[in-house]
Amino acid sequence: MAKKKILWLLPTNTENLKMIIAQGLISSPDGFINNHGDTKYYSDIMELVPNYIPLFKNEIPAKALDYVSKEEKSLTPVILDIDLKKLSNGIKVFQDNKLVDLMGNEDSADVLFILAPLPLSVISTLIFPSKPAEKEFKESLKLYSNVILNDLKLSSTTVAVQKLFKSDDSSAEQSLFKSDDSSVDWINDSTIIDTMDVGKIDYKKVYAYGGLLLNLFYYAKNGNLSNDNYKLFSGFIEEKKRQDIDIYDYFKGFDINETDIKKKMDHGLIDIAINSKDFKEDVIKFLEQENWEGQAQKRTQELADKLKDFELNINKTVSEHFKEAKKPIEKILMMLFLREDSEALMEYTLELFSEEDYLNFAMMFGIRDKFIKAPKELKECTGLQCYVSLKMAEYAHFTIKSNMKFTSTLKPLTVVELFNKNNLKKRLIKELKVESCIQTIMPNKEFYSKSGINTYIGFIEPRYETLEEEYFNILSKRTITKEQYNKFAKMK
């Protein structure tokens, strides 16, 4: 007889679920941050176990389901079925009035506590109490541009599923956590379990990293330099020797030399991009502060004045301002003042911008927008939302030095990676209409000329090489839509 499948279940409500998908992580309550930078969280049982995500085995006590919709009558409960096979480490159980590491098989426990955050890839199914509730949830998503279901599976119709929302009321009298000498009824008493020994995660920084990765994935279309930069940020496996603005150092967490004026400026501006609600005003204040020393104060004041002049934009065109920019940071800030978000950036090109310029713009706009405000078109590229969610979860745990591990998801290939595949190259060249940036090289073998035609003996395969400058000149001005990318991804 086949062994019954064990389900590990997280109850919450549909409003929190929207935030989980929009932000790209199942986080602790302090990670529920909306696109205005404010906390947007409705009470559920995660608030009772700070930094951990409680999972119930096979059934959920009635009081837990009541708890997730207690804040407002309009809240609808929903259950996330979590696949434990997609994660390891960071799993605890409740014993002796505290959380301890799981020893042995998790199937022996009734409730598990998983160190937050978790990526979207660990969700097997989103379970709704009824078909109308599922339909209402889907309909409500039309009002949101940042809640993308993609490959998330929804369920509501089976008897087994609906039974999950009809737990035996007698469970309300039972204690959820038992040990040899004590028990805690943590939901009824709203007892907050002490889990403060876990390092605090800077969720805004984590979401900024996700926004950065999404933008770098898109701009990887511009060439090998851009593609290599995306791969570099995806892994944090090596040091970056040269960078116009020290974004890599900032996210990897290298020590900041406070006496280094450039690092102080770069990291201060990145902090503003992540945390500020009035970016332009806070940038000007930062540049005009009095604690800059010597030449640095003169330079920062000049930069502040240029930005003010750029905002007024009376005597010069935008392109003239960019041409006069002496340093990359000037171009970056002017572009951040000029365009509202990443979507607007992707629609803007100037002949004078280099591949490095576009990279700098992409990173800073991604940081400012974060994952939650990333263009819908990007999140709907096949596999990208799920992959970046995984990278954010890994990065969050990297920042607190946890040993949490997740099963890798299928990594979506960038346009350049698809373009460089031998079996796809010709097809993508034609699809992108970039024949002019390809040169064909015949092998260095003997041939003879017959009627003006170079003729080889046997099977001879030419080699196709990309003319990098011509490629960049074309693709940097080309918008790649999700339809185009998804078509390319299917080709492989």
Protein backbone atom coordinates (compact mmCIF):
# COMPACT_ATOMS: atom_id res chain seq x y z
CA MET A 1 0.00 0.00 0.00
CA ALA A 2 1.41 3.36 -1.02
CA LYS A 3 2.50 5.64 1.80
CA LYS A 4 0.19 8.62 2.28
CA LYS A 5 1.80 11.85 1.19
CA ILE A 6 2.56 14.20 4.05
CA LEU A 7 1.60 17.84 3.55
CA TRP A 8 3.30 20.73 5.33
CA LEU A 9 0.90 23.63 5.49
CA LEU A 10 1.17 27.35 6.18
CA PRO A 11 -2.15 29.15 6.82
CA THR A 12 -2.40 32.86 6.01
CA ASN A 13 -4.89 35.12 4.25
CA THR A 14 -5.26 36.20 0.64
CA GLU A 15 -4.06 39.76 1.33
CA ASN A 16 -0.78 38.47 2.76
CA LEU A 17 -0.55 36.02 -0.12
CA LYS A 18 -0.67 38.91 -2.60
CA MET A 19 2.21 40.56 -0.78
CA ILE A 20 4.20 37.31 -0.68
CA ILE A 21 3.93 36.98 -4.47
CA ALA A 22 4.51 40.70 -5.12
CA GLN A 23 7.60 40.87 -2.92
CA GLY A 24 8.85 37.48 -4.12
CA LEU A 25 9.45 35.87 -0.72
CA ILE A 26 7.63 34.14 2.11
CA SER A 27 9.11 36.40 4.76
CA SER A 28 8.61 37.12 8.42
CA PRO A 29 6.16 40.00 9.07
CA ASP A 30 8.89 42.67 8.97
CA GLY A 31 9.50 41.69 5.34
CA PHE A 32 5.98 42.61 4.20
CA ILE A 33 6.95 45.94 2.60
CA ASN A 34 4.76 47.49 -0.08
CA ASN A 35 5.89 49.54 -3.07
CA HIS A 36 5.83 52.73 -0.97
CA GLY A 37 8.27 51.26 1.53
CA ASP A 38 5.65 50.79 4.27
CA THR A 39 4.82 47.60 6.16
CA LYS A 40 1.66 46.01 4.75
CA TYR A 41 0.91 42.95 6.84
CA TYR A 42 -2.30 41.41 8.21
CA SER A 43 -2.06 39.33 11.38
CA ASP A 44 -1.39 35.66 10.90
CA ILE A 45 0.44 33.04 12.91
CA MET A 46 3.88 34.07 11.59
CA GLU A 47 3.78 37.08 13.92
CA LEU A 48 3.80 34.69 16.88
CA VAL A 49 7.13 33.15 15.86
CA PRO A 50 9.43 36.00 14.76
CA ASN A 51 11.93 35.04 12.04
CA TYR A 52 10.40 31.59 11.54
CA ILE A 53 7.62 30.17 9.39
CA PRO A 54 5.42 27.58 11.18
CA LEU A 55 4.20 24.62 9.13
CA PHE A 56 1.48 22.19 10.25
CA LYS A 57 1.50 18.55 9.21
CA ASN A 58 -1.55 17.43 7.19
CA GLU A 59 -4.14 19.51 9.04
CA ILE A 60 -4.50 22.94 10.56
CA PRO A 61 -6.16 23.57 13.95
CA ALA A 62 -9.38 25.59 13.67
CA LYS A 63 -7.96 28.32 15.91
CA ALA A 64 -5.04 28.79 13.49
CA LEU A 65 -7.44 29.31 10.59
CA ASP A 66 -9.45 31.73 12.72
CA TYR A 67 -6.30 33.62 13.64
CA VAL A 68 -5.26 34.39 10.04
CA SER A 69 -8.54 36.19 9.32
CA LYS A 70 -9.18 37.77 12.73
CA GLU A 71 -7.93 41.27 11.85
CA GLU A 72 -10.73 41.98 9.37
CA LYS A 73 -13.95 40.13 8.58
CA SER A 74 -13.28 40.50 4.86
CA LEU A 75 -10.06 38.47 5.00
CA THR A 76 -10.17 35.06 3.32
CA PRO A 77 -7.98 32.25 4.67
CA VAL A 78 -5.64 30.49 2.25
CA ILE A 79 -3.17 27.67 2.78
CA LEU A 80 0.30 27.33 1.25
CA ASP A 81 1.39 23.73 0.71
CA ILE A 82 5.20 23.80 1.19
CA ASP A 83 7.49 21.22 -0.41
CA LEU A 84 10.12 20.39 2.22
CA LYS A 85 12.17 18.49 -0.35
CA LYS A 86 13.15 21.87 -1.81
CA LEU A 87 14.92 23.08 1.33
CA SER A 88 17.30 21.84 3.98
CA ASN A 89 18.73 23.06 7.29
CA GLY A 90 17.14 25.86 9.28
CA ILE A 91 14.33 23.51 10.44
CA LYS A 92 13.33 23.49 14.11
CA VAL A 93 10.75 21.96 16.44
CA PHE A 94 9.33 23.14 19.75
CA GLN A 95 10.68 21.39 22.84
CA ASP A 96 11.05 22.50 26.45
CA ASN A 97 9.40 25.85 25.69
CA LYS A 98 11.93 26.77 23.03
CA LEU A 99 12.86 26.04 19.43
CA VAL A 100 15.57 23.44 18.89
CA ASP A 101 17.14 21.96 15.78
CA LEU A 102 15.20 19.09 14.25
CA MET A 103 16.92 15.79 14.95
CA GLY A 104 15.92 12.92 12.70
CA ASN A 105 13.00 12.69 10.31
CA GLU A 106 10.69 15.71 10.12
CA ASP A 107 7.70 13.35 9.62
CA SER A 108 7.77 12.57 13.35
CA ALA A 109 6.85 16.17 14.20
CA ASP A 110 3.40 17.78 14.06
CA VAL A 111 4.64 21.35 13.61
CA LEU A 112 7.91 22.56 12.07
CA PHE A 113 9.48 25.99 12.18
CA ILE A 114 11.47 27.03 9.12
CA LEU A 115 13.94 29.91 9.22
CA ALA A 116 12.58 32.77 7.07
CA PRO A 117 12.56 33.77 4.29
CA LEU A 118 11.58 31.11 1.75
CA PRO A 119 11.48 31.49 -2.05
CA LEU A 120 8.32 31.08 -4.11
CA SER A 121 9.77 27.87 -5.56
CA VAL A 122 9.01 25.94 -2.34
CA ILE A 123 5.25 26.44 -2.80
CA SER A 124 3.62 23.31 -4.22
CA THR A 125 0.05 24.58 -4.23
CA LEU A 126 -2.00 27.58 -3.14
CA ILE A 127 -5.10 26.10 -1.51
CA PHE A 128 -8.37 28.05 -1.30
CA PRO A 129 -11.45 27.16 0.77
CA SER A 130 -13.78 27.13 -2.24
CA LYS A 131 -13.94 27.62 -5.99
CA PRO A 132 -15.61 31.05 -5.59
CA ALA A 133 -12.79 32.11 -3.22
CA GLU A 134 -10.19 31.01 -5.78
CA LYS A 135 -12.05 32.83 -8.57
CA GLU A 136 -12.39 35.99 -6.48
CA PHE A 137 -8.63 35.93 -5.77
CA LYS A 138 -7.79 35.61 -9.47
CA GLU A 139 -10.20 38.41 -10.35
CA SER A 140 -8.67 40.69 -7.73
CA LEU A 141 -5.24 40.31 -9.34
CA LYS A 142 -6.42 42.41 -12.29
CA LEU A 143 -6.01 45.39 -9.98
CA TYR A 144 -2.33 44.60 -9.37
CA SER A 145 0.55 44.78 -11.83
CA ASN A 146 3.03 43.15 -9.45
CA VAL A 147 1.19 39.97 -8.40
CA ILE A 148 2.20 37.49 -11.08
CA LEU A 149 1.03 33.89 -10.62
CA ASN A 150 3.20 32.43 -13.40
CA ASP A 151 3.78 28.76 -12.50
CA LEU A 152 2.10 28.86 -9.07
CA LYS A 153 -0.54 26.15 -8.87
CA LEU A 154 -3.97 26.91 -7.38
CA SER A 155 -6.43 24.38 -5.96
CA SER A 156 -9.87 24.53 -4.32
CA THR A 157 -12.18 21.85 -5.69
CA THR A 158 -11.21 18.48 -4.22
CA VAL A 159 -12.84 17.05 -1.10
CA ALA A 160 -9.42 16.61 0.53
CA VAL A 161 -8.57 20.27 -0.09
CA GLN A 162 -11.84 21.60 1.31
CA LYS A 163 -11.47 19.36 4.36
CA LEU A 164 -8.37 21.34 5.35
CA PHE A 165 -10.59 24.31 6.13
CA LYS A 166 -12.94 22.23 8.31
CA SER A 167 -10.65 21.15 11.12
CA ASP A 168 -12.21 19.38 14.11
CA ASP A 169 -13.18 22.08 16.63
CA SER A 170 -11.89 19.85 19.42
CA SER A 171 -8.37 20.75 18.26
CA ALA A 172 -8.97 24.20 19.74
CA GLU A 173 -8.71 22.62 23.18
CA GLN A 174 -5.48 20.82 22.42
CA SER A 175 -2.00 22.13 22.98
CA LEU A 176 -0.03 22.44 19.76
CA PHE A 177 3.47 21.89 21.14
CA LYS A 178 4.19 19.18 23.65
CA SER A 179 7.38 18.19 25.43
CA ASP A 180 8.09 15.91 28.37
CA ASP A 181 7.48 18.52 31.03
CA SER A 182 5.66 21.47 29.50
CA SER A 183 3.29 22.63 26.83
CA VAL A 184 2.42 25.92 25.20
CA ASP A 185 -0.85 26.88 23.62
CA TRP A 186 0.76 29.64 21.59
CA ILE A 187 -2.14 30.54 19.27
CA ASN A 188 -4.89 30.92 21.89
CA ASP A 189 -2.67 32.96 24.22
CA SER A 190 -0.92 34.84 21.39
CA THR A 191 2.33 33.78 23.01
CA ILE A 192 5.28 35.12 21.04
CA ILE A 193 7.99 32.49 21.05
CA ASP A 194 11.45 33.92 21.71
CA THR A 195 13.43 33.56 18.49
CA MET A 196 15.45 36.77 18.70
CA ASP A 197 18.79 34.95 18.54
CA VAL A 198 18.45 34.97 14.74
CA GLY A 199 20.27 37.72 12.84
CA LYS A 200 18.03 40.54 11.62
CA ILE A 201 17.50 40.57 7.85
CA ASP A 202 17.47 43.91 6.03
CA TYR A 203 14.52 43.06 3.76
CA LYS A 204 14.65 46.33 1.84
CA LYS A 205 18.22 45.50 0.85
CA VAL A 206 17.20 41.96 -0.12
CA TYR A 207 14.35 43.23 -2.32
CA ALA A 208 16.70 45.83 -3.83
CA TYR A 209 19.03 42.97 -4.78
CA GLY A 210 16.08 41.23 -6.46
CA GLY A 211 15.20 44.36 -8.45
CA LEU A 212 18.83 44.73 -9.47
CA LEU A 213 18.97 41.12 -10.71
CA LEU A 214 15.77 41.49 -12.75
CA ASN A 215 17.11 44.59 -14.50
CA LEU A 216 20.52 43.02 -15.11
CA PHE A 217 18.80 40.01 -16.68
CA TYR A 218 16.99 42.29 -19.11
CA TYR A 219 20.02 44.43 -19.97
CA ALA A 220 22.15 41.33 -20.47
CA LYS A 221 20.74 41.51 -24.02
CA ASN A 222 23.19 44.35 -24.74
CA GLY A 223 26.33 42.22 -24.96
CA ASN A 224 28.87 39.99 -23.23
CA LEU A 225 29.95 42.67 -20.75
CA SER A 226 26.34 43.07 -19.57
CA ASN A 227 25.78 39.32 -19.54
CA ASP A 228 28.92 38.73 -17.46
CA ASN A 229 27.80 41.38 -14.98
CA TYR A 230 24.45 39.62 -14.51
CA LYS A 231 26.21 36.31 -13.86
CA LEU A 232 28.57 37.99 -11.40
CA PHE A 233 25.75 39.42 -9.31
CA SER A 234 23.84 36.14 -9.45
CA GLY A 235 26.54 34.33 -7.54
CA PHE A 236 28.74 36.65 -5.46
CA ILE A 237 31.50 34.11 -6.08
CA GLU A 238 34.32 36.47 -6.98
CA GLU A 239 35.52 39.98 -6.43
CA LYS A 240 34.82 42.68 -8.96
CA LYS A 241 38.01 44.60 -9.63
CA ARG A 242 36.61 47.61 -11.44
CA GLN A 243 33.26 49.27 -11.19
CA ASP A 244 31.99 52.77 -11.90
CA ILE A 245 29.90 52.68 -8.74
CA ASP A 246 30.61 50.25 -5.90
CA ILE A 247 27.33 48.33 -6.02
CA TYR A 248 28.90 44.88 -5.94
CA ASP A 249 30.91 45.68 -2.81
CA TYR A 250 27.80 47.11 -1.17
CA PHE A 251 25.73 43.95 -1.63
CA LYS A 252 28.49 41.46 -0.99
CA GLY A 253 29.14 43.16 2.33
CA PHE A 254 32.82 43.99 2.05
CA ASP A 255 34.13 46.35 4.72
CA ILE A 256 33.59 49.96 3.78
CA ASN A 257 36.61 52.19 4.17
CA GLU A 258 34.96 55.29 5.56
CA THR A 259 38.01 57.38 4.65
CA ASP A 260 37.47 56.51 0.98
CA ILE A 261 35.34 59.40 -0.29
CA LYS A 262 34.17 57.55 -3.40
CA LYS A 263 32.94 54.57 -1.39
CA LYS A 264 31.28 56.88 1.11
CA MET A 265 29.43 58.66 -1.68
CA ASP A 266 28.54 55.51 -3.61
CA HIS A 267 27.26 53.61 -0.60
CA GLY A 268 25.39 56.66 0.70
CA LEU A 269 23.58 57.07 -2.62
CA ILE A 270 22.74 53.34 -2.74
CA ASP A 271 21.32 53.62 0.80
CA ILE A 272 19.13 56.51 -0.35
CA ALA A 273 17.95 54.54 -3.40
CA ILE A 274 16.92 51.67 -1.12
CA ASN A 275 15.37 53.54 1.79
CA SER A 276 14.26 56.99 0.66
CA LYS A 277 10.67 58.00 -0.02
CA ASP A 278 11.72 61.30 -1.64
CA PHE A 279 14.75 60.27 -3.67
CA LYS A 280 15.57 63.61 -5.31
CA GLU A 281 15.28 65.66 -2.14
CA ASP A 282 17.32 63.19 -0.10
CA VAL A 283 20.07 63.02 -2.73
CA ILE A 284 20.44 66.81 -2.72
CA LYS A 285 20.54 66.86 1.11
CA PHE A 286 23.16 64.10 1.12
CA LEU A 287 25.39 65.96 -1.35
CA GLU A 288 25.04 69.30 0.46
CA GLN A 289 25.72 68.01 3.97
CA GLU A 290 28.58 69.76 5.75
CA ASN A 291 30.63 66.75 6.84
CA TRP A 292 32.34 66.34 3.46
CA GLU A 293 35.98 67.38 3.70
CA GLY A 294 38.18 69.53 1.49
CA GLN A 295 37.82 68.89 -2.23
CA ALA A 296 35.03 66.39 -1.56
CA GLN A 297 32.76 69.14 -0.26
CA LYS A 298 33.43 71.28 -3.32
CA ARG A 299 32.80 68.30 -5.63
CA THR A 300 29.56 67.21 -3.95
CA GLN A 301 28.21 70.76 -3.94
CA GLU A 302 29.01 71.07 -7.67
CA LEU A 303 27.16 67.81 -8.29
CA ALA A 304 24.15 69.01 -6.26
CA ASP A 305 24.09 72.25 -8.27
CA LYS A 306 24.24 70.32 -11.56
CA LEU A 307 21.30 68.18 -10.52
CA LYS A 308 19.26 71.26 -9.58
CA ASP A 309 20.10 72.80 -12.94
CA PHE A 310 19.22 69.54 -14.67
CA GLU A 311 15.82 69.53 -12.94
CA LEU A 312 15.05 73.03 -14.18
CA ASN A 313 16.42 72.11 -17.62
CA ILE A 314 15.95 75.64 -19.02
CA ASN A 315 18.99 76.42 -21.16
CA LYS A 316 20.15 72.95 -22.22
CA THR A 317 18.64 69.83 -23.70
CA VAL A 318 18.79 66.55 -21.81
CA SER A 319 21.40 65.18 -24.23
CA GLU A 320 23.58 68.28 -23.69
CA HIS A 321 23.50 67.70 -19.94
CA PHE A 322 24.55 64.08 -20.41
CA LYS A 323 27.35 65.04 -22.84
CA GLU A 324 28.82 67.43 -20.28
CA ALA A 325 28.80 64.83 -17.48
CA LYS A 326 32.39 64.17 -16.43
CA LYS A 327 31.89 61.16 -14.17
CA PRO A 328 29.63 58.09 -14.35
CA ILE A 329 27.93 59.11 -11.10
CA GLU A 330 26.69 62.31 -12.77
CA LYS A 331 25.03 60.35 -15.57
CA ILE A 332 23.54 57.88 -13.11
CA LEU A 333 21.98 60.56 -10.92
CA MET A 334 20.70 62.56 -13.87
CA MET A 335 19.00 59.46 -15.27
CA LEU A 336 17.51 58.69 -11.83
CA PHE A 337 16.17 62.25 -11.75
CA LEU A 338 14.91 62.02 -15.34
CA ARG A 339 13.01 58.71 -15.45
CA GLU A 340 10.48 57.48 -12.92
CA ASP A 341 11.15 53.75 -12.88
CA SER A 342 12.75 50.79 -14.68
CA GLU A 343 9.95 50.51 -17.20
CA ALA A 344 10.48 54.15 -18.22
CA LEU A 345 14.24 53.58 -18.35
CA MET A 346 13.83 50.66 -20.77
CA GLU A 347 12.01 52.96 -23.19
CA TYR A 348 14.80 55.57 -23.18
CA THR A 349 17.99 55.53 -25.28
CA LEU A 350 20.65 58.01 -26.36
CA GLU A 351 23.41 57.44 -28.90
CA LEU A 352 26.05 58.68 -26.46
CA PHE A 353 25.39 55.99 -23.82
CA SER A 354 27.90 53.13 -23.56
CA GLU A 355 27.23 49.59 -22.45
CA GLU A 356 28.68 50.52 -19.03
CA ASP A 357 26.25 53.44 -18.81
CA TYR A 358 23.25 51.19 -19.39
CA LEU A 359 24.57 48.75 -16.78
CA ASN A 360 24.91 51.50 -14.19
CA PHE A 361 21.41 52.77 -14.95
CA ALA A 362 19.95 49.26 -14.81
CA MET A 363 21.48 48.48 -11.42
CA MET A 364 20.48 51.71 -9.69
CA PHE A 365 16.94 51.68 -11.09
CA GLY A 366 16.53 48.05 -10.01
CA ILE A 367 17.77 48.94 -6.54
CA ARG A 368 15.34 51.87 -6.27
CA ASP A 369 12.35 49.92 -7.64
CA LYS A 370 13.15 46.70 -5.78
CA PHE A 371 11.50 43.41 -6.73
CA ILE A 372 8.00 44.66 -5.98
CA LYS A 373 8.07 47.50 -8.54
CA ALA A 374 9.93 45.63 -11.28
CA PRO A 375 8.22 45.73 -14.70
CA LYS A 376 5.45 43.15 -15.10
CA GLU A 377 6.96 42.23 -18.49
CA LEU A 378 10.14 41.08 -16.76
CA LYS A 379 8.44 38.95 -14.11
CA GLU A 380 6.44 37.21 -16.85
CA CYS A 381 9.57 36.02 -18.68
CA THR A 382 9.64 32.23 -18.41
CA GLY A 383 11.18 31.11 -15.10
CA LEU A 384 12.58 34.53 -14.14
CA GLN A 385 10.33 35.44 -11.20
CA CYS A 386 10.90 32.06 -9.57
CA TYR A 387 14.67 32.19 -10.16
CA VAL A 388 15.13 35.70 -8.76
CA SER A 389 12.95 34.78 -5.77
CA LEU A 390 15.36 31.91 -5.08
CA LYS A 391 18.39 34.21 -5.41
CA MET A 392 16.80 36.70 -2.98
CA ALA A 393 16.16 33.95 -0.43
CA GLU A 394 19.73 32.73 -0.77
CA TYR A 395 21.02 36.28 -0.41
CA ALA A 396 18.91 36.94 2.69
CA HIS A 397 20.35 33.85 4.38
CA PHE A 398 23.84 34.79 3.18
CA THR A 399 23.52 38.12 5.02
CA ILE A 400 22.78 36.43 8.37
CA LYS A 401 25.24 33.58 7.74
CA SER A 402 22.58 30.88 8.09
CA ASN A 403 23.13 27.38 6.72
CA MET A 404 19.76 27.29 4.93
CA LYS A 405 19.89 25.64 1.50
CA PHE A 406 17.35 25.49 -1.32
CA THR A 407 16.99 23.24 -4.34
CA SER A 408 18.00 25.13 -7.46
CA THR A 409 15.32 26.07 -9.94
CA LEU A 410 15.80 26.03 -13.69
CA LYS A 411 17.91 29.07 -14.48
CA PRO A 412 16.45 31.14 -17.33
CA LEU A 413 18.97 31.90 -20.05
CA THR A 414 19.60 35.51 -21.01
CA VAL A 415 19.19 36.68 -24.61
CA VAL A 416 22.98 36.61 -25.04
CA GLU A 417 23.21 33.05 -23.64
CA LEU A 418 20.48 31.92 -26.02
CA PHE A 419 22.14 33.84 -28.86
CA ASN A 420 25.47 32.07 -28.24
CA LYS A 421 23.99 28.57 -28.40
CA ASN A 422 25.15 27.01 -31.67
CA ASN A 423 21.82 25.31 -32.35
CA LEU A 424 19.92 28.59 -31.86
CA LYS A 425 22.27 31.19 -33.26
CA LYS A 426 20.96 31.32 -36.83
CA ARG A 427 17.32 31.30 -35.74
CA LEU A 428 17.81 34.12 -33.22
CA ILE A 429 19.82 36.18 -35.70
CA LYS A 430 16.86 36.06 -38.05
CA GLU A 431 14.29 36.63 -35.27
CA LEU A 432 16.19 39.67 -33.97
CA LYS A 433 17.07 40.88 -37.48
CA VAL A 434 20.72 41.39 -36.57
CA GLU A 435 22.40 39.81 -39.62
CA SER A 436 24.51 42.95 -39.99
CA CYS A 437 26.38 42.29 -36.72
CA ILE A 438 27.44 38.76 -37.67
CA GLN A 439 30.51 37.80 -39.68
CA THR A 440 31.00 34.36 -41.23
CA ILE A 441 34.48 32.80 -41.07
CA MET A 442 35.30 29.88 -43.33
CA PRO A 443 37.74 27.25 -42.06
CA ASN A 444 41.39 27.50 -43.01
CA LYS A 445 41.31 24.53 -45.39
CA GLU A 446 42.20 23.98 -49.02
CA PHE A 447 39.58 24.83 -51.59
CA TYR A 448 39.51 25.42 -55.28
CA SER A 449 37.70 28.02 -57.27
CA LYS A 450 35.20 26.81 -59.79
CA SER A 451 33.25 29.29 -61.88
CA GLY A 452 34.07 31.95 -59.28
CA ILE A 453 32.76 29.80 -56.39
CA ASN A 454 35.08 28.71 -53.57
CA THR A 455 34.61 24.96 -53.33
CA TYR A 456 35.70 22.67 -50.47
CA ILE A 457 35.97 18.88 -50.44
CA GLY A 458 33.83 17.15 -47.79
CA PHE A 459 31.58 18.69 -45.13
CA ILE A 460 32.77 22.12 -44.07
CA GLU A 461 31.08 24.16 -41.34
CA PRO A 462 31.63 27.93 -41.18
CA ARG A 463 32.04 29.77 -37.88
CA TYR A 464 29.83 32.74 -37.00
CA GLU A 465 31.23 35.53 -34.87
CA THR A 466 29.40 38.47 -33.36
CA LEU A 467 30.71 41.95 -34.07
CA GLU A 468 30.35 43.25 -30.51
CA GLU A 469 30.13 46.97 -31.27
CA GLU A 470 27.56 46.53 -34.03
CA TYR A 471 25.58 44.13 -31.85
CA PHE A 472 25.49 46.63 -28.96
CA ASN A 473 24.49 49.49 -31.25
CA ILE A 474 21.48 47.51 -32.41
CA LEU A 475 20.36 45.70 -29.24
CA SER A 476 20.85 48.63 -26.85
CA LYS A 477 18.12 50.46 -28.77
CA ARG A 478 15.90 47.40 -29.09
CA THR A 479 13.17 46.50 -26.61
CA ILE A 480 12.86 42.77 -26.02
CA THR A 481 9.26 41.94 -25.07
CA LYS A 482 8.21 39.06 -22.86
CA GLU A 483 6.54 37.46 -25.90
CA GLN A 484 9.83 37.56 -27.80
CA TYR A 485 11.85 36.24 -24.88
CA ASN A 486 9.41 33.44 -24.11
CA LYS A 487 9.48 32.44 -27.77
CA PHE A 488 13.29 32.38 -27.71
CA ALA A 489 13.31 30.37 -24.46
CA LYS A 490 11.03 27.74 -26.01
CA MET A 491 13.43 27.32 -28.94
CA LYS A 492 16.09 25.74 -26.74
